[in-house]
Amino acid sequence: MTGLVRSSRDLVCFFAVLEKLVLVMDLIHLDIFLDSLKSLVHTVAELPTMVLDSFYNPSVHRKLTNLCSQLLRAALRPEHGDQANSAAEVLKSLSPLIMLAKSEVRTFALSFVTNCMVDAGKECEGIKKAVVNLPKYLVQKAPEKSELRALAVESIMEIFRALEYGDRVSFVEYVVKMTEGKSSFRLLAVDLIVPIVMSLKDPLGVQANEANDPWGLRCLQVLIKRGSDSNSAIRARSLSNLVHLVGFFANDDRSCKILKEVLGIGDGVSRKTEATINNLLKIRCLDEKAAVRKAALNLVTKLTSFYSGSFDEVLLKTMGMACSDPLVSIRKAAVSALSEVRLCGLTL
């Protein structure tokens, strides 16, 4: 498009060509020209990224993406070949757009998947299967840099929320398995866990009248385990994400009770889980990496209200040692944690 559109008149002609192409898709069958179908899908998926700045305005973008949507929907029809293969090709072509920084192009790609393709999947099992597999595909393509990884998490979660409950649970299982993979997958997994748990219905299984598989428990257990990961970035992210989830469940008494059991704190804790989080925090408050030490101290602060009556003496001494940390931010976090213990009236 950048080579063809040099004036407003060219733009008008270009849109006229796309409109005629939409009509042509009703007249021809591409099932015997699969290479042509692939080329068409790939080209159409790229068009929203190729609008010249000199011709860009919201109405031009809307018209372009509307025509692209019509063409991609047409490519999914059975007369153009196996719908499962066509859907996979469409999603493969849209994936680079989905992984872009926030933009209208990214919005177009996500909207097409979560609306058009999810709806089409209700009528065709092949299309549905392709959409269900998309989050796993995006996991493989997710960048490692923190900001771009965060955008990848947002995109994956937007598609995740559009799936049916059973398919969402299947993806949660996949994410839990990711935490045993290579470091880039483990880091992405611990970042996915927080929005996943927050979006699942009854993640801790507190509703006795429902037979939900409490995947939230497994996710919490995974974060605790990754708090001892060999990679310091993963240790820090796991502890920081635990802070978010503790805060998320803190206002529900039933969830708090289950959370205490998982973390191994408070009264009535079984021997199997006894001091689970305490032992982890004693080590991580003195971790060699500052980000990990700070995350651990923040978690102590968040968990203080969960302790019943007494506070672990060794952990308290560890927090005291952190008050002499060479970094100001760590010393502040340690003082804040100790202040919270005092405010809650806990004793040794």
Protein backbone atom coordinates (compact mmCIF):
# COMPACT_ATOMS: atom_id res chain seq x y z
CA MET A 1 0.00 0.00 0.00
CA THR A 2 2.84 2.37 0.76
CA GLY A 3 4.07 1.93 -2.80
CA LEU A 4 0.65 2.26 -4.42
CA VAL A 5 -1.05 5.05 -2.46
CA ARG A 6 0.58 8.38 -3.25
CA SER A 7 -2.43 10.66 -3.23
CA SER A 8 -5.99 10.92 -1.95
CA ARG A 9 -7.19 9.74 -5.35
CA ASP A 10 -5.01 6.65 -5.05
CA LEU A 11 -6.55 5.98 -1.64
CA VAL A 12 -10.06 6.14 -3.11
CA CYS A 13 -9.05 3.72 -5.87
CA PHE A 14 -7.41 1.42 -3.34
CA PHE A 15 -10.58 1.19 -1.26
CA ALA A 16 -12.58 0.55 -4.44
CA VAL A 17 -10.29 -2.40 -5.22
CA LEU A 18 -10.75 -3.83 -1.71
CA GLU A 19 -14.53 -3.47 -1.95
CA LYS A 20 -14.53 -5.35 -5.26
CA LEU A 21 -12.27 -8.02 -3.75
CA VAL A 22 -14.88 -8.58 -1.01
CA LEU A 23 -17.46 -9.20 -3.75
CA VAL A 24 -15.08 -11.50 -5.65
CA MET A 25 -14.70 -13.70 -2.55
CA ASP A 26 -18.39 -14.58 -2.98
CA LEU A 27 -17.86 -15.65 -6.58
CA ILE A 28 -14.69 -17.77 -6.46
CA HIS A 29 -13.56 -20.76 -4.42
CA LEU A 30 -9.97 -20.78 -3.23
CA ASP A 31 -9.99 -24.33 -1.89
CA ILE A 32 -7.98 -25.43 -4.95
CA PHE A 33 -5.68 -22.41 -4.71
CA LEU A 34 -4.48 -22.69 -1.14
CA ASP A 35 -1.27 -20.75 -1.76
CA SER A 36 -3.38 -17.88 -3.09
CA LEU A 37 -5.56 -18.02 0.02
CA LYS A 38 -2.48 -17.86 2.26
CA SER A 39 -1.09 -14.91 0.33
CA LEU A 40 -4.42 -13.12 0.52
CA VAL A 41 -4.75 -13.65 4.28
CA HIS A 42 -1.17 -12.57 4.94
CA THR A 43 -1.53 -9.42 2.82
CA VAL A 44 -4.90 -8.42 4.29
CA ALA A 45 -3.57 -8.87 7.84
CA GLU A 46 -0.68 -6.51 7.05
CA LEU A 47 -2.76 -3.76 5.47
CA PRO A 48 -3.80 -1.99 8.74
CA THR A 49 -0.10 -1.44 9.53
CA MET A 50 0.62 0.13 6.16
CA VAL A 51 -1.60 3.23 6.15
CA LEU A 52 0.52 6.22 5.24
CA ASP A 53 0.72 8.86 7.95
CA SER A 54 -0.16 11.53 5.41
CA PHE A 55 -3.50 9.84 4.74
CA TYR A 56 -4.26 8.65 8.24
CA ASN A 57 -7.41 9.66 10.07
CA PRO A 58 -9.91 7.70 12.16
CA SER A 59 -12.43 7.32 9.33
CA VAL A 60 -9.78 5.98 6.94
CA HIS A 61 -8.62 3.49 9.57
CA ARG A 62 -12.17 2.33 10.34
CA LYS A 63 -12.96 1.84 6.67
CA LEU A 64 -9.73 -0.06 6.08
CA THR A 65 -10.11 -2.37 9.09
CA ASN A 66 -13.77 -2.97 8.24
CA LEU A 67 -12.83 -4.13 4.75
CA CYS A 68 -9.99 -6.24 6.15
CA SER A 69 -12.40 -7.87 8.59
CA GLN A 70 -14.82 -8.69 5.76
CA LEU A 71 -12.04 -10.27 3.72
CA LEU A 72 -10.69 -12.32 6.64
CA ARG A 73 -14.19 -13.51 7.54
CA ALA A 74 -14.71 -14.52 3.92
CA ALA A 75 -11.44 -16.47 3.97
CA LEU A 76 -12.82 -18.58 6.83
CA ARG A 77 -15.77 -19.86 4.80
CA PRO A 78 -15.74 -23.60 3.90
CA GLU A 79 -15.70 -22.97 0.14
CA HIS A 80 -12.19 -21.61 0.53
CA GLY A 81 -10.77 -24.77 2.07
CA ASP A 82 -10.58 -26.57 5.41
CA GLN A 83 -11.80 -24.06 7.99
CA ALA A 84 -9.41 -25.24 10.70
CA ASN A 85 -6.42 -24.64 8.42
CA SER A 86 -7.81 -21.30 7.22
CA ALA A 87 -8.38 -20.20 10.84
CA ALA A 88 -4.84 -21.19 11.79
CA GLU A 89 -3.50 -19.16 8.86
CA VAL A 90 -5.57 -16.11 9.82
CA LEU A 91 -4.43 -16.28 13.44
CA LYS A 92 -0.80 -16.79 12.45
CA SER A 93 -1.01 -13.67 10.27
CA LEU A 94 -2.71 -11.60 12.97
CA SER A 95 -0.35 -12.66 15.78
CA PRO A 96 2.38 -10.09 14.97
CA LEU A 97 -0.28 -7.35 15.20
CA ILE A 98 -1.55 -8.73 18.51
CA MET A 99 1.96 -8.55 19.95
CA LEU A 100 2.51 -4.92 18.91
CA ALA A 101 2.63 -2.06 21.38
CA LYS A 102 -0.77 -0.57 22.17
CA SER A 103 -2.24 0.83 18.98
CA GLU A 104 -5.39 0.80 16.89
CA VAL A 105 -3.84 -1.94 14.77
CA ARG A 106 -3.42 -4.15 17.83
CA THR A 107 -6.99 -3.35 18.87
CA PHE A 108 -8.25 -4.37 15.43
CA ALA A 109 -6.45 -7.73 15.57
CA LEU A 110 -7.63 -8.54 19.11
CA SER A 111 -11.18 -7.48 18.33
CA PHE A 112 -11.29 -9.68 15.24
CA VAL A 113 -10.13 -12.69 17.26
CA THR A 114 -12.30 -12.17 20.36
CA ASN A 115 -15.43 -11.25 18.44
CA CYS A 116 -15.47 -12.53 14.86
CA MET A 117 -13.45 -15.71 15.34
CA VAL A 118 -14.90 -16.65 18.71
CA ASP A 119 -18.39 -16.30 17.22
CA ALA A 120 -17.38 -18.31 14.14
CA GLY A 121 -15.99 -20.98 16.48
CA LYS A 122 -19.49 -21.54 17.87
CA GLU A 123 -20.49 -22.88 14.44
CA CYS A 124 -17.23 -24.61 13.48
CA GLU A 125 -15.17 -26.83 15.77
CA GLY A 126 -12.05 -26.34 13.63
CA ILE A 127 -12.14 -22.57 14.06
CA LYS A 128 -12.83 -22.91 17.77
CA LYS A 129 -9.84 -25.22 18.22
CA ALA A 130 -7.58 -22.73 16.42
CA VAL A 131 -8.72 -19.88 18.69
CA VAL A 132 -8.30 -22.02 21.82
CA ASN A 133 -4.71 -22.79 20.78
CA LEU A 134 -3.88 -19.15 20.06
CA PRO A 135 -2.89 -18.17 23.65
CA LYS A 136 -0.41 -21.07 23.69
CA TYR A 137 1.00 -19.93 20.36
CA LEU A 138 1.37 -16.37 21.66
CA VAL A 139 3.21 -17.68 24.71
CA GLN A 140 5.83 -19.12 22.37
CA LYS A 141 6.15 -15.76 20.59
CA ALA A 142 6.14 -13.51 23.67
CA PRO A 143 9.22 -11.23 23.95
CA GLU A 144 11.42 -11.35 27.02
CA LYS A 145 11.78 -7.59 27.60
CA SER A 146 9.58 -6.55 30.54
CA GLU A 147 7.40 -3.91 28.84
CA LEU A 148 6.75 -6.01 25.75
CA ARG A 149 6.16 -9.08 27.92
CA ALA A 150 3.56 -7.14 29.89
CA LEU A 151 1.77 -6.26 26.63
CA ALA A 152 1.89 -9.92 25.61
CA VAL A 153 0.28 -10.85 28.92
CA GLU A 154 -2.50 -8.30 28.31
CA SER A 155 -3.17 -9.67 24.82
CA ILE A 156 -3.15 -13.29 25.97
CA MET A 157 -5.54 -12.48 28.80
CA GLU A 158 -7.96 -10.64 26.51
CA ILE A 159 -8.23 -13.78 24.37
CA PHE A 160 -8.33 -15.98 27.48
CA ARG A 161 -11.39 -14.14 28.82
CA ALA A 162 -13.23 -14.71 25.54
CA LEU A 163 -12.87 -18.51 25.82
CA GLU A 164 -15.37 -20.88 27.37
CA TYR A 165 -14.75 -21.94 30.98
CA GLY A 166 -13.40 -25.40 30.13
CA ASP A 167 -10.95 -23.96 27.61
CA ARG A 168 -9.79 -21.37 30.14
CA VAL A 169 -9.08 -24.09 32.70
CA SER A 170 -7.13 -26.02 30.07
CA PHE A 171 -4.94 -22.97 29.48
CA VAL A 172 -4.39 -22.53 33.23
CA GLU A 173 -3.06 -26.08 33.32
CA TYR A 174 -0.72 -25.20 30.46
CA VAL A 175 0.54 -22.12 32.34
CA VAL A 176 1.19 -24.18 35.48
CA LYS A 177 3.28 -26.59 33.38
CA MET A 178 5.16 -23.61 31.93
CA THR A 179 6.54 -22.86 35.40
CA GLU A 180 8.70 -25.98 35.07
CA GLY A 181 10.10 -24.94 31.66
CA LYS A 182 12.92 -22.67 30.60
CA SER A 183 13.40 -19.36 32.37
CA SER A 184 11.58 -17.18 29.81
CA PHE A 185 8.50 -19.40 30.11
CA ARG A 186 8.69 -19.47 33.90
CA LEU A 187 8.84 -15.67 34.02
CA LEU A 188 5.91 -15.30 31.63
CA ALA A 189 3.92 -17.89 33.59
CA VAL A 190 4.28 -16.12 36.95
CA ASP A 191 3.11 -12.89 35.30
CA LEU A 192 0.11 -14.64 33.75
CA ILE A 193 -0.96 -16.23 37.02
CA VAL A 194 -2.19 -13.02 38.69
CA PRO A 195 -4.71 -11.96 35.99
CA ILE A 196 -5.69 -15.60 35.47
CA VAL A 197 -6.56 -16.14 39.14
CA MET A 198 -8.40 -12.82 39.30
CA SER A 199 -10.51 -13.74 36.27
CA LEU A 200 -11.41 -17.31 37.29
CA LYS A 201 -14.73 -17.90 38.96
CA ASP A 202 -14.25 -19.01 42.58
CA PRO A 203 -10.49 -19.65 42.12
CA LEU A 204 -9.99 -21.05 45.64
CA GLY A 205 -13.11 -23.24 45.59
CA VAL A 206 -14.80 -21.54 48.55
CA GLN A 207 -18.32 -22.08 47.22
CA ALA A 208 -19.37 -25.42 48.64
CA ASN A 209 -22.35 -25.72 46.30
CA GLU A 210 -20.16 -25.71 43.18
CA ALA A 211 -17.78 -28.38 41.95
CA ASN A 212 -15.15 -26.03 40.59
CA ASP A 213 -11.61 -27.32 40.31
CA PRO A 214 -9.75 -24.77 42.48
CA TRP A 215 -7.00 -23.90 40.03
CA GLY A 216 -6.29 -20.80 42.07
CA LEU A 217 -4.76 -23.03 44.75
CA ARG A 218 -2.36 -24.57 42.26
CA CYS A 219 -1.43 -21.13 40.99
CA LEU A 220 -0.66 -19.95 44.52
CA GLN A 221 1.43 -23.03 45.17
CA VAL A 222 3.34 -22.39 41.94
CA LEU A 223 4.12 -18.80 42.97
CA ILE A 224 5.39 -20.00 46.35
CA LYS A 225 7.61 -22.55 44.65
CA ARG A 226 8.94 -20.02 42.13
CA GLY A 227 9.88 -17.79 45.06
CA SER A 228 12.91 -20.09 45.31
CA ASP A 229 13.65 -20.08 41.59
CA SER A 230 17.28 -20.05 40.45
CA ASN A 231 16.52 -16.92 38.40
CA SER A 232 16.39 -13.81 40.57
CA ALA A 233 13.92 -12.00 38.28
CA ILE A 234 11.50 -14.91 38.66
CA ARG A 235 11.96 -14.96 42.44
CA ALA A 236 11.16 -11.25 42.63
CA ARG A 237 8.15 -11.45 40.31
CA SER A 238 6.72 -14.45 42.13
CA LEU A 239 6.88 -12.72 45.51
CA SER A 240 5.51 -9.46 44.09
CA ASN A 241 2.64 -11.32 42.45
CA LEU A 242 1.88 -13.06 45.73
CA VAL A 243 1.50 -9.59 47.24
CA HIS A 244 -1.17 -8.78 44.62
CA LEU A 245 -3.07 -12.03 45.16
CA VAL A 246 -2.98 -11.77 48.95
CA GLY A 247 -4.48 -8.30 48.62
CA PHE A 248 -7.08 -9.63 46.17
CA PHE A 249 -8.32 -12.31 48.60
CA ALA A 250 -7.85 -10.35 51.83
CA ASN A 251 -11.39 -9.00 52.03
CA ASP A 252 -13.14 -12.37 51.91
CA ASP A 253 -13.07 -14.40 55.15
CA ARG A 254 -13.52 -17.78 53.41
CA SER A 255 -10.76 -17.04 50.93
CA CYS A 256 -8.49 -15.85 53.75
CA LYS A 257 -8.93 -19.13 55.59
CA ILE A 258 -7.92 -21.16 52.54
CA LEU A 259 -5.08 -18.75 51.79
CA LYS A 260 -3.67 -19.23 55.27
CA GLU A 261 -3.68 -23.00 54.78
CA VAL A 262 -1.87 -22.71 51.46
CA LEU A 263 0.71 -20.30 52.86
CA GLY A 264 1.14 -22.27 56.08
CA ILE A 265 0.44 -19.48 58.56
CA GLY A 266 -2.02 -18.94 61.38
CA ASP A 267 -3.84 -21.39 63.63
CA GLY A 268 -4.80 -24.88 62.57
CA VAL A 269 -2.10 -25.26 59.95
CA SER A 270 -1.20 -28.86 59.16
CA ARG A 271 2.34 -30.13 59.60
CA LYS A 272 2.66 -30.56 55.87
CA THR A 273 2.28 -26.83 55.25
CA GLU A 274 3.60 -25.51 58.54
CA ALA A 275 5.75 -22.39 58.12
CA THR A 276 5.76 -22.74 54.31
CA ILE A 277 5.84 -19.01 53.61
CA ASN A 278 7.77 -18.17 56.78
CA ASN A 279 10.72 -20.31 55.76
CA LEU A 280 10.68 -18.78 52.29
CA LEU A 281 10.55 -15.22 53.60
CA LYS A 282 13.40 -15.76 56.08
CA ILE A 283 15.64 -16.61 53.13
CA ARG A 284 14.34 -14.08 50.63
CA CYS A 285 14.48 -11.10 53.01
CA LEU A 286 18.26 -11.62 52.89
CA ASP A 287 18.46 -12.57 49.20
CA GLU A 288 21.52 -11.47 47.24
CA LYS A 289 19.32 -9.49 44.83
CA ALA A 290 17.75 -6.23 46.03
CA ALA A 291 14.55 -6.70 44.00
CA VAL A 292 13.95 -10.02 45.72
CA ARG A 293 14.63 -8.63 49.20
CA LYS A 294 12.22 -5.75 48.62
CA ALA A 295 9.50 -8.04 47.25
CA ALA A 296 9.87 -10.35 50.26
CA LEU A 297 9.57 -7.48 52.74
CA ASN A 298 6.51 -6.15 50.92
CA LEU A 299 4.95 -9.59 51.18
CA VAL A 300 5.66 -9.70 54.92
CA THR A 301 3.88 -6.36 55.28
CA LYS A 302 0.88 -7.62 53.32
CA LEU A 303 0.71 -10.89 55.29
CA THR A 304 1.05 -9.41 58.78
CA SER A 305 -2.70 -9.29 59.39
CA PHE A 306 -2.92 -13.02 58.61
CA TYR A 307 -0.82 -14.02 61.62
CA SER A 308 -2.84 -15.00 64.66
CA GLY A 309 -1.50 -13.68 67.95
CA SER A 310 2.23 -14.38 67.50
CA PHE A 311 4.88 -13.68 64.93
CA ASP A 312 7.80 -15.92 63.92
CA GLU A 313 10.81 -14.83 66.01
CA VAL A 314 13.43 -15.73 63.39
CA LEU A 315 11.52 -13.91 60.67
CA LEU A 316 11.24 -10.86 62.92
CA LYS A 317 15.01 -10.87 63.49
CA THR A 318 15.55 -11.22 59.75
CA MET A 319 13.42 -8.15 59.18
CA GLY A 320 15.48 -6.33 61.78
CA MET A 321 18.67 -7.21 59.91
CA ALA A 322 17.10 -5.82 56.73
CA CYS A 323 16.84 -2.45 58.49
CA SER A 324 20.62 -2.24 58.06
CA ASP A 325 20.53 -3.02 54.34
CA PRO A 326 22.87 -0.87 52.22
CA LEU A 327 19.94 0.22 50.03
CA VAL A 328 17.58 2.89 51.32
CA SER A 329 14.54 1.35 49.62
CA ILE A 330 15.14 -1.97 51.38
CA ARG A 331 15.57 -0.29 54.75
CA LYS A 332 12.29 1.57 54.23
CA ALA A 333 10.52 -1.65 53.28
CA ALA A 334 11.91 -3.39 56.40
CA VAL A 335 10.83 -0.56 58.69
CA SER A 336 7.38 -0.60 57.10
CA ALA A 337 7.06 -4.35 57.69
CA LEU A 338 8.13 -4.04 61.33
CA SER A 339 5.72 -1.15 61.85
CA GLU A 340 2.89 -3.27 60.50
CA VAL A 341 3.75 -6.05 62.97
CA ARG A 342 3.59 -3.55 65.80
CA LEU A 343 0.31 -2.03 64.58
CA CYS A 344 -1.29 -5.47 64.45
CA GLY A 345 -0.23 -6.05 68.07
CA LEU A 346 1.61 -9.29 67.31
CA THR A 347 3.94 -10.85 69.87
CA LEU A 348 6.75 -13.34 69.66
